Amino acid sequence: METETTSKIEQLEEKIDAIYDSVEKTRKYFLVMMWVSLAVVVLPALGLIFAIPAFINSYTASFEGLL
């Protein structure tokens, strides 16, 4: 009886270790996706903060000679 219980416990430990490895891989994947998403959204937004005023200045400067 004890050997059966011991073998079941060992099987459960192996399964728990496999689940833990899978969860860690998933956590790392989500972490990488979060950083990539931030880079794709935040960096262009920061670039637009500087690009839009420069564009507006050059656009309004093109109308100065018309008046």
N, C-alpha and C. Protein backbone atom coordinates (compact mmCIF):
# COMPACT_ATOMS: atom_id res chain seq x y z
N MET A 1 0.82 -1.19 0.00
CA MET A 1 0.00 0.00 0.00
C MET A 1 0.87 1.26 0.00
N GLU A 2 1.93 1.23 0.79
CA GLU A 2 2.78 2.40 0.87
C GLU A 2 3.54 2.65 -0.42
N THR A 3 3.95 1.60 -1.08
CA THR A 3 4.69 1.78 -2.34
C THR A 3 3.79 2.39 -3.41
N GLU A 4 2.53 2.00 -3.40
CA GLU A 4 1.58 2.59 -4.36
C GLU A 4 1.39 4.07 -4.08
N THR A 5 1.25 4.42 -2.83
CA THR A 5 1.09 5.82 -2.44
C THR A 5 2.34 6.61 -2.77
N THR A 6 3.48 6.05 -2.52
CA THR A 6 4.74 6.72 -2.81
C THR A 6 4.90 6.95 -4.31
N SER A 7 4.55 5.97 -5.10
CA SER A 7 4.67 6.14 -6.55
C SER A 7 3.68 7.18 -7.06
N LYS A 8 2.50 7.23 -6.50
CA LYS A 8 1.52 8.25 -6.89
C LYS A 8 2.02 9.64 -6.52
N ILE A 9 2.61 9.77 -5.35
CA ILE A 9 3.15 11.06 -4.92
C ILE A 9 4.28 11.49 -5.84
N GLU A 10 5.15 10.56 -6.24
CA GLU A 10 6.24 10.89 -7.15
C GLU A 10 5.69 11.32 -8.52
N GLN A 11 4.65 10.66 -8.99
CA GLN A 11 4.03 11.04 -10.25
C GLN A 11 3.44 12.45 -10.16
N LEU A 12 2.79 12.72 -9.04
CA LEU A 12 2.21 14.04 -8.84
C LEU A 12 3.29 15.12 -8.78
N GLU A 13 4.41 14.83 -8.14
CA GLU A 13 5.51 15.78 -8.07
C GLU A 13 6.06 16.07 -9.46
N GLU A 14 6.18 15.04 -10.30
CA GLU A 14 6.66 15.24 -11.67
C GLU A 14 5.69 16.11 -12.46
N LYS A 15 4.41 15.87 -12.28
CA LYS A 15 3.40 16.67 -12.98
C LYS A 15 3.42 18.11 -12.50
N ILE A 16 3.57 18.31 -11.20
CA ILE A 16 3.62 19.66 -10.64
C ILE A 16 4.85 20.39 -11.16
N ASP A 17 6.00 19.72 -11.25
CA ASP A 17 7.20 20.33 -11.79
C ASP A 17 7.00 20.71 -13.26
N ALA A 18 6.33 19.87 -14.03
CA ALA A 18 6.06 20.18 -15.43
C ALA A 18 5.12 21.38 -15.55
N ILE A 19 4.13 21.45 -14.69
CA ILE A 19 3.21 22.60 -14.69
C ILE A 19 3.96 23.87 -14.32
N TYR A 20 4.84 23.78 -13.34
CA TYR A 20 5.62 24.95 -12.92
C TYR A 20 6.48 25.45 -14.07
N ASP A 21 7.14 24.55 -14.78
CA ASP A 21 7.96 24.95 -15.92
C ASP A 21 7.10 25.63 -16.99
N SER A 22 5.94 25.08 -17.25
CA SER A 22 5.05 25.65 -18.25
C SER A 22 4.57 27.04 -17.84
N VAL A 23 4.25 27.20 -16.58
CA VAL A 23 3.79 28.50 -16.07
C VAL A 23 4.91 29.53 -16.16
N GLU A 24 6.12 29.14 -15.85
CA GLU A 24 7.26 30.07 -15.94
C GLU A 24 7.50 30.50 -17.38
N LYS A 25 7.40 29.58 -18.32
CA LYS A 25 7.56 29.93 -19.73
C LYS A 25 6.47 30.90 -20.17
N THR A 26 5.24 30.66 -19.72
CA THR A 26 4.13 31.54 -20.07
C THR A 26 4.32 32.91 -19.45
N ARG A 27 4.79 32.97 -18.21
CA ARG A 27 5.03 34.25 -17.54
C ARG A 27 6.08 35.05 -18.29
N LYS A 28 7.17 34.38 -18.68
CA LYS A 28 8.22 35.07 -19.43
C LYS A 28 7.71 35.55 -20.78
N TYR A 29 6.87 34.75 -21.44
CA TYR A 29 6.29 35.15 -22.72
C TYR A 29 5.45 36.40 -22.56
N PHE A 30 4.59 36.44 -21.53
CA PHE A 30 3.75 37.61 -21.30
C PHE A 30 4.59 38.82 -20.94
N LEU A 31 5.66 38.64 -20.20
CA LEU A 31 6.53 39.75 -19.86
C LEU A 31 7.18 40.34 -21.11
N VAL A 32 7.66 39.47 -21.99
CA VAL A 32 8.27 39.94 -23.24
C VAL A 32 7.22 40.65 -24.09
N MET A 33 6.03 40.11 -24.18
CA MET A 33 4.97 40.74 -24.98
C MET A 33 4.58 42.09 -24.40
N MET A 34 4.61 42.23 -23.07
CA MET A 34 4.31 43.52 -22.46
C MET A 34 5.35 44.56 -22.86
N TRP A 35 6.64 44.20 -22.80
CA TRP A 35 7.70 45.13 -23.18
C TRP A 35 7.63 45.48 -24.65
N VAL A 36 7.35 44.50 -25.49
CA VAL A 36 7.23 44.77 -26.93
C VAL A 36 6.04 45.69 -27.20
N SER A 37 4.93 45.44 -26.54
CA SER A 37 3.75 46.30 -26.71
C SER A 37 4.03 47.73 -26.27
N LEU A 38 4.70 47.86 -25.15
CA LEU A 38 5.06 49.20 -24.69
C LEU A 38 5.98 49.90 -25.69
N ALA A 39 6.94 49.17 -26.22
CA ALA A 39 7.86 49.76 -27.18
C ALA A 39 7.14 50.18 -28.45
N VAL A 40 6.18 49.38 -28.88
CA VAL A 40 5.45 49.67 -30.12
C VAL A 40 4.50 50.84 -29.93
N VAL A 41 3.96 51.04 -28.75
CA VAL A 41 2.99 52.11 -28.52
C VAL A 41 3.65 53.37 -27.97
N VAL A 42 4.48 53.23 -26.97
CA VAL A 42 5.02 54.40 -26.25
C VAL A 42 6.10 55.11 -27.06
N LEU A 43 7.01 54.39 -27.66
CA LEU A 43 8.09 55.05 -28.40
C LEU A 43 7.58 55.87 -29.58
N PRO A 44 6.67 55.36 -30.40
CA PRO A 44 6.12 56.23 -31.45
C PRO A 44 5.35 57.42 -30.89
N ALA A 45 4.66 57.24 -29.77
CA ALA A 45 3.94 58.36 -29.16
C ALA A 45 4.91 59.44 -28.70
N LEU A 46 6.03 59.04 -28.12
CA LEU A 46 7.04 60.02 -27.73
C LEU A 46 7.63 60.71 -28.95
N GLY A 47 7.82 59.97 -30.02
CA GLY A 47 8.33 60.57 -31.26
C GLY A 47 7.36 61.59 -31.81
N LEU A 48 6.06 61.29 -31.72
CA LEU A 48 5.06 62.24 -32.22
C LEU A 48 5.01 63.51 -31.39
N ILE A 49 5.34 63.42 -30.13
CA ILE A 49 5.36 64.62 -29.27
C ILE A 49 6.35 65.64 -29.83
N PHE A 50 7.45 65.15 -30.39
CA PHE A 50 8.44 66.05 -30.95
C PHE A 50 8.20 66.32 -32.44
N ALA A 51 7.62 65.40 -33.15
CA ALA A 51 7.44 65.55 -34.59
C ALA A 51 6.27 66.47 -34.93
N ILE A 52 5.19 66.42 -34.18
CA ILE A 52 4.02 67.23 -34.51
C ILE A 52 4.31 68.73 -34.38
N PRO A 53 4.95 69.20 -33.32
CA PRO A 53 5.26 70.64 -33.28
C PRO A 53 6.20 71.07 -34.40
N ALA A 54 7.16 70.23 -34.74
CA ALA A 54 8.07 70.58 -35.84
C ALA A 54 7.30 70.64 -37.15
N PHE A 55 6.38 69.72 -37.37
CA PHE A 55 5.57 69.74 -38.58
C PHE A 55 4.68 70.98 -38.63
N ILE A 56 4.08 71.33 -37.52
CA ILE A 56 3.21 72.52 -37.48
C ILE A 56 4.03 73.77 -37.76
N ASN A 57 5.22 73.86 -37.20
CA ASN A 57 6.06 75.03 -37.45
C ASN A 57 6.43 75.13 -38.92
N SER A 58 6.81 74.05 -39.53
CA SER A 58 7.18 74.11 -40.95
C SER A 58 5.95 74.36 -41.81
N TYR A 59 4.80 73.86 -41.42
CA TYR A 59 3.57 74.07 -42.18
C TYR A 59 3.13 75.53 -42.11
N THR A 60 3.18 76.12 -40.94
CA THR A 60 2.79 77.53 -40.81
C THR A 60 3.84 78.44 -41.42
N ALA A 61 5.08 78.03 -41.41
CA ALA A 61 6.14 78.84 -42.04
C ALA A 61 5.96 78.88 -43.55
N SER A 62 5.38 77.89 -44.13
CA SER A 62 5.16 77.90 -45.58
C SER A 62 4.09 78.90 -45.98
N PHE A 63 3.23 79.32 -45.08
CA PHE A 63 2.19 80.32 -45.40
C PHE A 63 2.66 81.75 -45.18
N GLU A 64 3.80 81.95 -44.55
CA GLU A 64 4.26 83.31 -44.27
C GLU A 64 4.55 84.10 -45.54
N GLY A 65 5.04 83.51 -46.58
CA GLY A 65 5.34 84.23 -47.81
C GLY A 65 4.10 84.54 -48.63
N LEU A 66 2.99 83.95 -48.34
CA LEU A 66 1.77 84.19 -49.12
C LEU A 66 1.04 85.47 -48.72
N LEU A 67 1.24 85.92 -47.54
CA LEU A 67 0.51 87.12 -47.08
C LEU A 67 1.20 88.34 -47.49
